[in-house]
C-alpha atoms as a PDB file:
ATOM      1  CA  MET A   1      -0.226   0.097  -0.118  1.00  0.00           C
ATOM      2  CA  GLU A   2       1.223   3.485  -1.237  1.00  0.00           C
ATOM      3  CA  LEU A   3       1.806   5.603   1.786  1.00  0.00           C
ATOM      4  CA  PRO A   4       0.268   9.514   1.519  1.00  0.00           C
ATOM      5  CA  LYS A   5       3.399  12.405  -0.021  1.00  0.00           C
ATOM      6  CA  ILE A   6       3.043  14.543   3.509  1.00  0.00           C
ATOM      7  CA  ASP A   7       4.485  18.089   3.272  1.00  0.00           C
ATOM      8  CA  SER A   8       7.381  18.114   5.421  1.00  0.00           C
ATOM      9  CA  ARG A   9       6.098  21.398   7.053  1.00  0.00           C
ATOM     10  CA  TYR A  10       3.057  19.785   8.121  1.00  0.00           C
ATOM     11  CA  LEU A  11       4.781  17.047   9.424  1.00  0.00           C
ATOM     12  CA  LYS A  12       7.164  19.084  12.059  1.00  0.00           C
ATOM     13  CA  GLU A  13       4.252  21.030  13.419  1.00  0.00           C
ATOM     14  CA  ALA A  14       2.316  17.199  13.922  1.00  0.00           C
ATOM     15  CA  PHE A  15       5.562  16.458  15.347  1.00  0.00           C
ATOM     16  CA  LYS A  16       6.127  19.638  18.087  1.00  0.00           C
ATOM     17  CA  GLU A  17       2.040  19.306  19.152  1.00  0.00           C
ATOM     18  CA  PRO A  18       1.842  19.341  22.770  1.00  0.00           C
ATOM     19  CA  ILE A  19      -0.374  16.382  22.411  1.00  0.00           C
ATOM     20  CA  ASN A  20       2.293  14.023  20.439  1.00  0.00           C
ATOM     21  CA  PHE A  21       4.877  14.879  23.202  1.00  0.00           C
ATOM     22  CA  TRP A  22       2.723  14.580  26.245  1.00  0.00           C
ATOM     23  CA  GLY A  23       1.446  11.027  24.726  1.00  0.00           C
ATOM     24  CA  MET A  24       5.507   9.774  24.187  1.00  0.00           C
ATOM     25  CA  ALA A  25       5.859  11.005  27.724  1.00  0.00           C
ATOM     26  CA  THR A  26       2.958   9.042  28.801  1.00  0.00           C
ATOM     27  CA  PHE A  27       4.336   5.823  26.902  1.00  0.00           C
ATOM     28  CA  ALA A  28       7.630   6.807  28.508  1.00  0.00           C
ATOM     29  CA  ILE A  29       6.654   7.150  31.860  1.00  0.00           C
ATOM     30  CA  GLY A  30       4.719   3.903  31.739  1.00  0.00           C
ATOM     31  CA  ALA A  31       7.764   2.328  30.667  1.00  0.00           C
ATOM     32  CA  ALA A  32       9.692   3.173  33.315  1.00  0.00           C
ATOM     33  CA  TYR A  33       7.179   2.062  36.077  1.00  0.00           C
ATOM     34  CA  PHE A  34       6.562  -0.803  34.693  1.00  0.00           C
ATOM     35  CA  GLN A  35      10.007  -2.015  33.829  1.00  0.00           C
ATOM     36  CA  ASP A  36       8.791  -3.110  30.236  1.00  0.00           C
ATOM     37  CA  VAL A  37       9.830  -2.427  26.770  1.00  0.00           C
ATOM     38  CA  THR A  38       6.148  -3.001  25.653  1.00  0.00           C
ATOM     39  CA  PRO A  39       4.604   0.422  26.015  1.00  0.00           C
ATOM     40  CA  LEU A  40       7.682   1.762  24.103  1.00  0.00           C
ATOM     41  CA  VAL A  41       7.040  -0.806  21.321  1.00  0.00           C
ATOM     42  CA  ALA A  42       3.890   0.759  21.558  1.00  0.00           C
ATOM     43  CA  ALA A  43       4.455   4.271  21.300  1.00  0.00           C
ATOM     44  CA  PHE A  44       6.627   4.021  18.677  1.00  0.00           C
ATOM     45  CA  GLY A  45       3.922   1.978  16.500  1.00  0.00           C
ATOM     46  CA  ALA A  46       1.680   5.268  17.718  1.00  0.00           C
ATOM     47  CA  GLU A  47       3.723   7.804  16.829  1.00  0.00           C
ATOM     48  CA  ALA A  48       4.604   5.765  13.137  1.00  0.00           C
ATOM     49  CA  ILE A  49       0.455   6.128  12.715  1.00  0.00           C
ATOM     50  CA  TYR A  50      -0.043   9.941  14.144  1.00  0.00           C
ATOM     51  CA  LEU A  51       2.936  11.096  11.860  1.00  0.00           C
ATOM     52  CA  VAL A  52       1.325   9.363   8.873  1.00  0.00           C
ATOM     53  CA  THR A  53      -2.194   9.964   9.443  1.00  0.00           C
ATOM     54  CA  VAL A  54      -2.885  13.177  11.109  1.00  0.00           C
ATOM     55  CA  PRO A  55      -0.257  15.885   8.851  1.00  0.00           C
ATOM     56  CA  ALA A  56      -2.191  14.296   5.422  1.00  0.00           C
ATOM     57  CA  THR A  57      -6.028  15.112   7.079  1.00  0.00           C
ATOM     58  CA  SER A  58      -7.133  18.322   5.797  1.00  0.00           C
ATOM     59  CA  PHE A  59      -8.455  19.823   8.964  1.00  0.00           C
ATOM     60  CA  TYR A  60      -5.183  19.651  10.202  1.00  0.00           C
ATOM     61  CA  ARG A  61      -3.610  21.345   7.671  1.00  0.00           C
ATOM     62  CA  ARG A  62      -6.248  24.408   7.646  1.00  0.00           C
ATOM     63  CA  LEU A  63      -5.446  24.238  11.462  1.00  0.00           C
ATOM     64  CA  VAL A  64      -1.297  24.855  10.218  1.00  0.00           C
ATOM     65  CA  ASP A  65      -2.048  27.263   7.888  1.00  0.00           C
ATOM     66  CA  ARG A  66      -4.500  29.239  10.026  1.00  0.00           C
ATOM     67  CA  ARG A  67      -1.850  29.364  13.003  1.00  0.00           C
ATOM     68  CA  GLU A  68       0.788  30.536  10.134  1.00  0.00           C
ATOM     69  CA  LYS A  69      -1.177  33.162   9.109  1.00  0.00           C
ATOM     70  CA  GLU A  70      -1.982  34.400  12.301  1.00  0.00           C
ATOM     71  CA  ARG A  71       1.541  34.164  13.050  1.00  0.00           C
ATOM     72  CA  GLN A  72       2.682  35.886  10.380  1.00  0.00           C
ATOM     73  CA  ARG A  73      -0.163  39.377  10.859  1.00  0.00           C
ATOM     74  CA  LYS A  74       1.301  39.335  14.805  1.00  0.00           C
ATOM     75  CA  LEU A  75       4.725  39.598  13.188  1.00  0.00           C
ATOM     76  CA  ARG A  76       3.993  41.969  10.862  1.00  0.00           C
ATOM     77  CA  GLU A  77       1.745  44.349  13.447  1.00  0.00           C
ATOM     78  CA  SER A  78       5.344  44.189  15.446  1.00  0.00           C
ATOM     79  CA  GLN A  79       7.274  45.144  12.906  1.00  0.00           C
ATOM     80  CA  ARG A  80       4.991  48.151  12.032  1.00  0.00           C
ATOM     81  CA  GLU A  81       4.714  48.932  15.496  1.00  0.00           C
ATOM     82  CA  ALA A  82       8.567  49.158  15.892  1.00  0.00           C
ATOM     83  CA  LEU A  83       8.732  51.385  12.755  1.00  0.00           C
ATOM     84  CA  ILE A  84       6.223  53.697  13.582  1.00  0.00           C
ATOM     85  CA  LYS A  85       8.474  54.387  17.017  1.00  0.00           C
ATOM     86  CA  ARG A  86      11.226  55.460  13.968  1.00  0.00           C
ATOM     87  CA  PHE A  87       8.843  57.636  13.220  1.00  0.00           C
ATOM     88  CA  ASP A  88       9.386  61.600  13.654  1.00  0.00           C
ATOM     89  CA  PRO A  89       6.671  63.239  16.639  1.00  0.00           C
ATOM     90  CA  ARG A  90       4.963  64.713  13.324  1.00  0.00           C
ATOM     91  CA  GLU A  91       4.794  61.507  11.570  1.00  0.00           C
ATOM     92  CA  ARG A  92       3.477  59.416  14.436  1.00  0.00           C
ATOM     93  CA  GLU A  93       1.064  61.967  15.316  1.00  0.00           C
ATOM     94  CA  ALA A  94      -0.319  61.462  11.797  1.00  0.00           C
ATOM     95  CA  VAL A  95      -0.670  57.780  11.845  1.00  0.00           C
ATOM     96  CA  GLU A  96      -2.129  57.798  15.392  1.00  0.00           C
ATOM     97  CA  TYR A  97      -4.438  59.771  14.241  1.00  0.00           C
ATOM     98  CA  LEU A  98      -5.837  58.116  11.646  1.00  0.00           C
ATOM     99  CA  ARG A  99      -5.587  55.079  13.788  1.00  0.00           C
ATOM    100  CA  TRP A 100      -7.885  56.760  16.189  1.00  0.00           C
ATOM    101  CA  MET A 101     -10.183  57.782  13.298  1.00  0.00           C
ATOM    102  CA  LYS A 102     -10.084  54.226  12.293  1.00  0.00           C
ATOM    103  CA  ASN A 103     -11.573  53.025  15.552  1.00  0.00           C
ATOM    104  CA  GLN A 104     -13.383  55.411  16.244  1.00  0.00           C
ATOM    105  CA  ILE A 105     -15.241  54.881  12.679  1.00  0.00           C
ATOM    106  CA  TYR A 106     -16.159  51.506  13.883  1.00  0.00           C
ATOM    107  CA  SER A 107     -17.558  52.774  17.209  1.00  0.00           C
ATOM    108  CA  ASN A 108     -19.644  55.404  15.595  1.00  0.00           C
ATOM    109  CA  TYR A 109     -20.916  52.476  13.214  1.00  0.00           C
ATOM    110  CA  ARG A 110     -22.282  50.380  15.800  1.00  0.00           C
ATOM    111  CA  LYS A 111     -23.416  53.325  17.479  1.00  0.00           C
ATOM    112  CA  PHE A 112     -25.940  54.732  14.659  1.00  0.00           C
ATOM    113  CA  THR A 113     -26.755  51.772  12.760  1.00  0.00           C
ATOM    114  CA  GLY A 114     -27.188  49.442  15.976  1.00  0.00           C
ATOM    115  CA  SER A 115     -25.224  46.201  14.392  1.00  0.00           C
ATOM    116  CA  LYS A 116     -22.908  44.361  16.457  1.00  0.00           C
ATOM    117  CA  GLN A 117     -21.184  43.513  13.346  1.00  0.00           C
ATOM    118  CA  ILE A 118     -19.183  45.696  11.154  1.00  0.00           C
ATOM    119  CA  PRO A 119     -18.942  45.145   7.307  1.00  0.00           C
ATOM    120  CA  SER A 120     -16.010  43.973   5.634  1.00  0.00           C
ATOM    121  CA  ASN A 121     -15.965  47.234   3.767  1.00  0.00           C
ATOM    122  CA  ILE A 122     -15.654  48.929   6.584  1.00  0.00           C
ATOM    123  CA  LEU A 123     -12.991  46.388   8.432  1.00  0.00           C
ATOM    124  CA  SER A 124     -10.939  46.852   5.119  1.00  0.00           C
ATOM    125  CA  LEU A 125     -10.033  50.309   6.710  1.00  0.00           C
ATOM    126  CA  ASP A 126      -7.479  48.137   8.488  1.00  0.00           C
ATOM    127  CA  GLU A 127      -5.917  47.335   5.536  1.00  0.00           C
ATOM    128  CA  ARG A 128      -5.642  50.669   4.567  1.00  0.00           C
ATOM    129  CA  TRP A 129      -4.207  52.125   7.883  1.00  0.00           C
ATOM    130  CA  GLU A 130      -1.397  49.456   7.566  1.00  0.00           C
ATOM    131  CA  ASP A 131      -1.413  50.615   3.858  1.00  0.00           C
ATOM    132  CA  PHE A 132      -0.669  54.244   5.390  1.00  0.00           C
ATOM    133  CA  VAL A 133       2.207  53.329   7.341  1.00  0.00           C
ATOM    134  CA  ASP A 134       4.455  51.727   4.641  1.00  0.00           C
ATOM    135  CA  LEU A 135       3.861  54.535   2.613  1.00  0.00           C
ATOM    136  CA  LEU A 136       4.567  56.948   5.097  1.00  0.00           C
ATOM    137  CA  ASP A 137       7.990  55.155   5.272  1.00  0.00           C
ATOM    138  CA  ILE A 138       8.496  55.027   1.709  1.00  0.00           C
ATOM    139  CA  TYR A 139       7.734  58.980   1.993  1.00  0.00           C
ATOM    140  CA  ARG A 140       9.855  59.800   4.942  1.00  0.00           C
ATOM    141  CA  ARG A 141      12.688  57.796   3.412  1.00  0.00           C
ATOM    142  CA  ARG A 142      12.609  59.327  -0.292  1.00  0.00           C
ATOM    143  CA  LYS A 143      11.866  62.881   1.207  1.00  0.00           C
ATOM    144  CA  ASN A 144      14.982  62.507   2.825  1.00  0.00           C
ATOM    145  CA  HIS A 145      17.307  61.448   0.761  1.00  0.00           C
ATOM    146  CA  MET A 146      15.762  64.261  -2.208  1.00  0.00           C
ATOM    147  CA  ARG A 147      17.248  66.757   0.803  1.00  0.00           C
ATOM    148  CA  SER A 148      20.644  64.920   1.327  1.00  0.00           C
ATOM    149  CA  ILE A 149      21.264  65.675  -2.427  1.00  0.00           C
ATOM    150  CA  ASN A 150      22.452  69.696  -3.284  1.00  0.00           C
ATOM    151  CA  ARG A 151      20.143  69.792  -6.584  1.00  0.00           C
ATOM    152  CA  GLN A 152      21.809  72.948  -7.910  1.00  0.00           C
ATOM    153  CA  ALA A 153      25.733  71.506  -7.106  1.00  0.00           C
ATOM    154  CA  VAL A 154      25.028  68.442  -9.178  1.00  0.00           C
ATOM    155  CA  GLN A 155      22.966  71.000 -11.707  1.00  0.00           C
ATOM    156  CA  ASN A 156      26.218  72.864 -12.000  1.00  0.00           C
ATOM    157  CA  GLN A 157      28.676  70.141 -12.007  1.00  0.00           C
ATOM    158  CA  LEU A 158      26.579  69.161 -15.471  1.00  0.00           C
ATOM    159  CA  LYS A 159      27.162  72.203 -16.609  1.00  0.00           C
ATOM    160  CA  GLN A 160      30.883  71.954 -15.724  1.00  0.00           C
ATOM    161  CA  ALA A 161      31.394  68.637 -17.402  1.00  0.00           C
ATOM    162  CA  GLU A 162      29.392  69.927 -20.663  1.00  0.00           C
ATOM    163  CA  HIS A 163      31.957  72.622 -20.682  1.00  0.00           C
ATOM    164  CA  ALA A 164      34.564  70.193 -20.116  1.00  0.00           C
ATOM    165  CA  VAL A 165      33.823  67.970 -22.896  1.00  0.00           C
ATOM    166  CA  GLU A 166      33.575  70.789 -25.644  1.00  0.00           C
ATOM    167  CA  ASN A 167      36.864  72.290 -24.337  1.00  0.00           C
ATOM    168  CA  SER A 168      39.161  68.673 -23.796  1.00  0.00           C
ATOM    169  CA  PRO A 169      42.573  68.760 -24.850  1.00  0.00           C
ATOM    170  CA  ASP A 170      42.795  65.485 -25.930  1.00  0.00           C
ATOM    171  CA  GLU A 171      40.722  62.299 -27.175  1.00  0.00           C
ATOM    172  CA  ARG A 172      41.487  60.770 -23.892  1.00  0.00           C
ATOM    173  CA  ALA A 173      40.098  63.303 -21.556  1.00  0.00           C
ATOM    174  CA  LYS A 174      37.513  63.630 -23.678  1.00  0.00           C
ATOM    175  CA  ARG A 175      36.163  60.213 -23.283  1.00  0.00           C
ATOM    176  CA  ILE A 176      36.515  60.209 -19.650  1.00  0.00           C
ATOM    177  CA  GLN A 177      34.413  63.304 -19.538  1.00  0.00           C
ATOM    178  CA  GLN A 178      31.733  62.267 -21.671  1.00  0.00           C
ATOM    179  CA  GLY A 179      31.457  59.337 -19.380  1.00  0.00           C
ATOM    180  CA  ASN A 180      30.679  61.706 -16.305  1.00  0.00           C
ATOM    181  CA  LEU A 181      28.805  64.182 -18.148  1.00  0.00           C
ATOM    182  CA  GLU A 182      26.505  60.968 -19.070  1.00  0.00           C
ATOM    183  CA  ILE A 183      26.536  60.116 -15.703  1.00  0.00           C
ATOM    184  CA  LEU A 184      25.488  63.127 -14.474  1.00  0.00           C
ATOM    185  CA  ARG A 185      22.568  63.331 -16.705  1.00  0.00           C
ATOM    186  CA  ARG A 186      21.326  59.825 -15.602  1.00  0.00           C
ATOM    187  CA  ARG A 187      21.988  61.239 -11.710  1.00  0.00           C
ATOM    188  CA  VAL A 188      19.415  64.199 -12.749  1.00  0.00           C
ATOM    189  CA  ALA A 189      17.005  61.862 -14.110  1.00  0.00           C
ATOM    190  CA  ALA A 190      16.928  59.763 -11.338  1.00  0.00           C
ATOM    191  CA  PHE A 191      16.401  62.584  -8.954  1.00  0.00           C
ATOM    192  CA  MET A 192      13.659  63.761 -10.630  1.00  0.00           C
ATOM    193  CA  ASP A 193      11.969  60.078 -10.786  1.00  0.00           C
ATOM    194  CA  ILE A 194      12.650  60.441  -7.116  1.00  0.00           C
ATOM    195  CA  GLU A 195      10.999  63.796  -6.913  1.00  0.00           C
ATOM    196  CA  ARG A 196       8.016  62.458  -8.739  1.00  0.00           C
ATOM    197  CA  SER A 197       7.130  59.401  -7.013  1.00  0.00           C
ATOM    198  CA  VAL A 198       7.398  61.451  -3.942  1.00  0.00           C
ATOM    199  CA  LYS A 199       4.499  63.506  -4.944  1.00  0.00           C
ATOM    200  CA  LEU A 200       2.224  60.751  -6.046  1.00  0.00           C
ATOM    201  CA  VAL A 201       2.678  58.978  -2.648  1.00  0.00           C
ATOM    202  CA  GLU A 202       2.153  62.421  -0.684  1.00  0.00           C
ATOM    203  CA  GLY A 203      -1.124  62.653  -2.739  1.00  0.00           C
ATOM    204  CA  GLN A 204      -1.984  58.867  -1.741  1.00  0.00           C
ATOM    205  CA  LEU A 205      -1.384  59.563   1.495  1.00  0.00           C
ATOM    206  CA  GLN A 206      -3.713  62.554   1.414  1.00  0.00           C
ATOM    207  CA  SER A 207      -6.114  60.461  -0.426  1.00  0.00           C
ATOM    208  CA  ILE A 208      -6.243  58.280   2.362  1.00  0.00           C
ATOM    209  CA  GLU A 209      -6.421  60.608   5.075  1.00  0.00           C
ATOM    210  CA  ASN A 210      -9.393  62.454   2.890  1.00  0.00           C
ATOM    211  CA  PHE A 211     -11.399  58.828   2.539  1.00  0.00           C
ATOM    212  CA  PHE A 212     -11.357  57.900   6.310  1.00  0.00           C
ATOM    213  CA  GLY A 213     -13.112  60.921   6.956  1.00  0.00           C
ATOM    214  CA  LEU A 214     -15.210  60.969   4.376  1.00  0.00           C
ATOM    215  CA  VAL A 215     -16.651  57.443   5.695  1.00  0.00           C
ATOM    216  CA  ASN A 216     -16.585  58.964   9.748  1.00  0.00           C
ATOM    217  CA  ASP A 217     -19.092  61.351   8.150  1.00  0.00           C
ATOM    218  CA  GLN A 218     -21.345  58.865   6.096  1.00  0.00           C
ATOM    219  CA  VAL A 219     -21.532  57.028   9.358  1.00  0.00           C
ATOM    220  CA  VAL A 220     -22.380  59.700  11.547  1.00  0.00           C
ATOM    221  CA  THR A 221     -24.683  61.713   9.208  1.00  0.00           C
ATOM    222  CA  LEU A 222     -26.187  59.025   7.274  1.00  0.00           C
ATOM    223  CA  PRO A 223     -25.801  55.839   9.369  1.00  0.00           C
ATOM    224  CA  THR A 224     -27.297  52.815   6.996  1.00  0.00           C
ATOM    225  CA  PRO A 225     -25.597  49.929   6.106  1.00  0.00           C
ATOM    226  CA  GLU A 226     -27.004  50.387   2.739  1.00  0.00           C
ATOM    227  CA  ARG A 227     -25.132  54.272   2.133  1.00  0.00           C
ATOM    228  CA  VAL A 228     -22.257  53.477   3.799  1.00  0.00           C
ATOM    229  CA  SER A 229     -21.972  50.256   1.220  1.00  0.00           C
ATOM    230  CA  MET A 230     -22.477  52.679  -1.380  1.00  0.00           C
ATOM    231  CA  LEU A 231     -18.786  54.410  -0.767  1.00  0.00           C
ATOM    232  CA  ASP A 232     -15.947  53.023  -3.545  1.00  0.00           C
ATOM    233  CA  PHE A 233     -13.582  51.516  -1.057  1.00  0.00           C
ATOM    234  CA  GLU A 234     -12.427  48.897  -4.317  1.00  0.00           C
ATOM    235  CA  GLN A 235     -11.451  52.764  -5.985  1.00  0.00           C
ATOM    236  CA  LEU A 236      -8.714  53.543  -3.235  1.00  0.00           C
ATOM    237  CA  SER A 237      -7.411  49.602  -2.677  1.00  0.00           C
ATOM    238  CA  ASP A 238      -7.140  50.244  -6.157  1.00  0.00           C
ATOM    239  CA  SER A 239      -5.328  53.079  -5.980  1.00  0.00           C
ATOM    240  CA  ILE A 240      -3.097  52.196  -3.568  1.00  0.00           C
ATOM    241  CA  ALA A 241      -2.080  49.066  -4.957  1.00  0.00           C
ATOM    242  CA  MET A 242      -1.101  50.937  -8.571  1.00  0.00           C
ATOM    243  CA  THR A 243       0.902  53.088  -6.372  1.00  0.00           C
ATOM    244  CA  LYS A 244       2.870  50.549  -4.655  1.00  0.00           C
ATOM    245  CA  GLN A 245       3.279  49.071  -8.023  1.00  0.00           C
ATOM    246  CA  MET A 246       4.967  51.993  -9.548  1.00  0.00           C
ATOM    247  CA  LEU A 247       7.126  52.212  -6.424  1.00  0.00           C
ATOM    248  CA  GLU A 248       8.373  49.159  -7.085  1.00  0.00           C
ATOM    249  CA  GLU A 249       8.952  50.509 -10.338  1.00  0.00           C
ATOM    250  CA  THR A 250      11.613  53.118  -8.915  1.00  0.00           C
ATOM    251  CA  SER A 251      12.930  51.204  -6.346  1.00  0.00           C
ATOM    252  CA  ASP A 252      16.431  50.566  -7.937  1.00  0.00           C
ATOM    253  CA  THR A 253      16.875  54.486  -8.476  1.00  0.00           C
ATOM    254  CA  PHE A 254      18.177  54.917  -4.845  1.00  0.00           C
ATOM    255  CA  ALA A 255      21.210  52.029  -5.768  1.00  0.00           C
ATOM    256  CA  ALA A 256      21.335  53.801  -9.540  1.00  0.00           C
ATOM    257  CA  LEU A 257      22.568  57.124  -7.540  1.00  0.00           C
ATOM    258  CA  ASP A 258      24.995  55.723  -5.648  1.00  0.00           C
ATOM    259  CA  SER A 259      26.351  53.533  -8.630  1.00  0.00           C
ATOM    260  CA  HIS A 260      26.760  57.159 -10.174  1.00  0.00           C
ATOM    261  CA  ASN A 261      27.975  58.762  -7.106  1.00  0.00           C
ATOM    262  CA  ARG A 262      30.913  55.852  -7.064  1.00  0.00           C
ATOM    263  CA  GLN A 263      31.154  56.449 -10.973  1.00  0.00           C
ATOM    264  CA  ILE A 264      31.793  60.251 -10.603  1.00  0.00           C
ATOM    265  CA  GLY A 265      33.902  59.778  -8.021  1.00  0.00           C
ATOM    266  CA  ASN A 266      35.960  57.380  -9.884  1.00  0.00           C
ATOM    267  CA  TYR A 267      36.133  59.497 -13.625  1.00  0.00           C
ATOM    268  CA  GLU A 268      37.377  62.268 -11.158  1.00  0.00           C
ATOM    269  CA  LEU A 269      40.063  60.122 -10.112  1.00  0.00           C
ATOM    270  CA  LEU A 270      40.702  59.267 -13.606  1.00  0.00           C
ATOM    271  CA  LEU A 271      41.002  62.733 -14.913  1.00  0.00           C
ATOM    272  CA  SER A 272      43.452  63.455 -11.824  1.00  0.00           C
ATOM    273  CA  GLY A 273      45.719  60.590 -12.503  1.00  0.00           C
ATOM    274  CA  GLY A 274      44.666  58.430  -9.537  1.00  0.00           C
ATOM    275  CA  THR A 275      43.283  54.495  -9.610  1.00  0.00           C
ATOM    276  CA  PRO A 276      39.448  54.427  -9.429  1.00  0.00           C
ATOM    277  CA  THR A 277      37.623  52.026  -7.098  1.00  0.00           C
ATOM    278  CA  ARG A 278      35.433  49.521  -7.653  1.00  0.00           C
END
């Protein structure tokens, strides 16, 4: 008879179950008490049957999957709270205000509709609040990176490089200056990409805040489940998903800027007769 294939993940979880541990311990205690190996033989037989049957059942697999989802949720929660603690006071205030408003919406919905059950579309504000925190983190990092760059200085370097190409004394110096010029142009373009992404995220953060305010107004002034359901929760969700996708497409910009900085340094060393670094 062919044994069913068992995912090693479910097998490990079944092995670590308290019921399995205490079952084996009971057999071991029985063997020690009666000074007989028969309970141990029975224990190994029962363990084999347990490990073959339990991890293969759909009920147990669903149980393990639920546990894993809950573990991942708690991990994300703790990581997000740790992230919020690194925000500056103004950013934390925005996050906590939106969290307060979310909870206020839930409270007002129960209060004004007389319903104990909050519909799933309103409960999706939990996810939108998480999106707000994640996007705010991206916004603050990119904004700080922009502040660390002297754009005018880079523009001046670009003009100097263009002038240097036109007035290069020989072909070797011209090739080096052309390489430097191309990197500076790419650096300016990368900076503009970051600038556009910052404005994009800023607009998305404002739309999330405004949507929370809209939902709260609707719950307070027109507190019926039908009217609240008319709000377009999906539109906000789709907008956030599109924003995240666009941010992923520009995620390599930071690495590109660092690479450009190193390459510019190498060209400066070449022009001065030094040895470039990798």
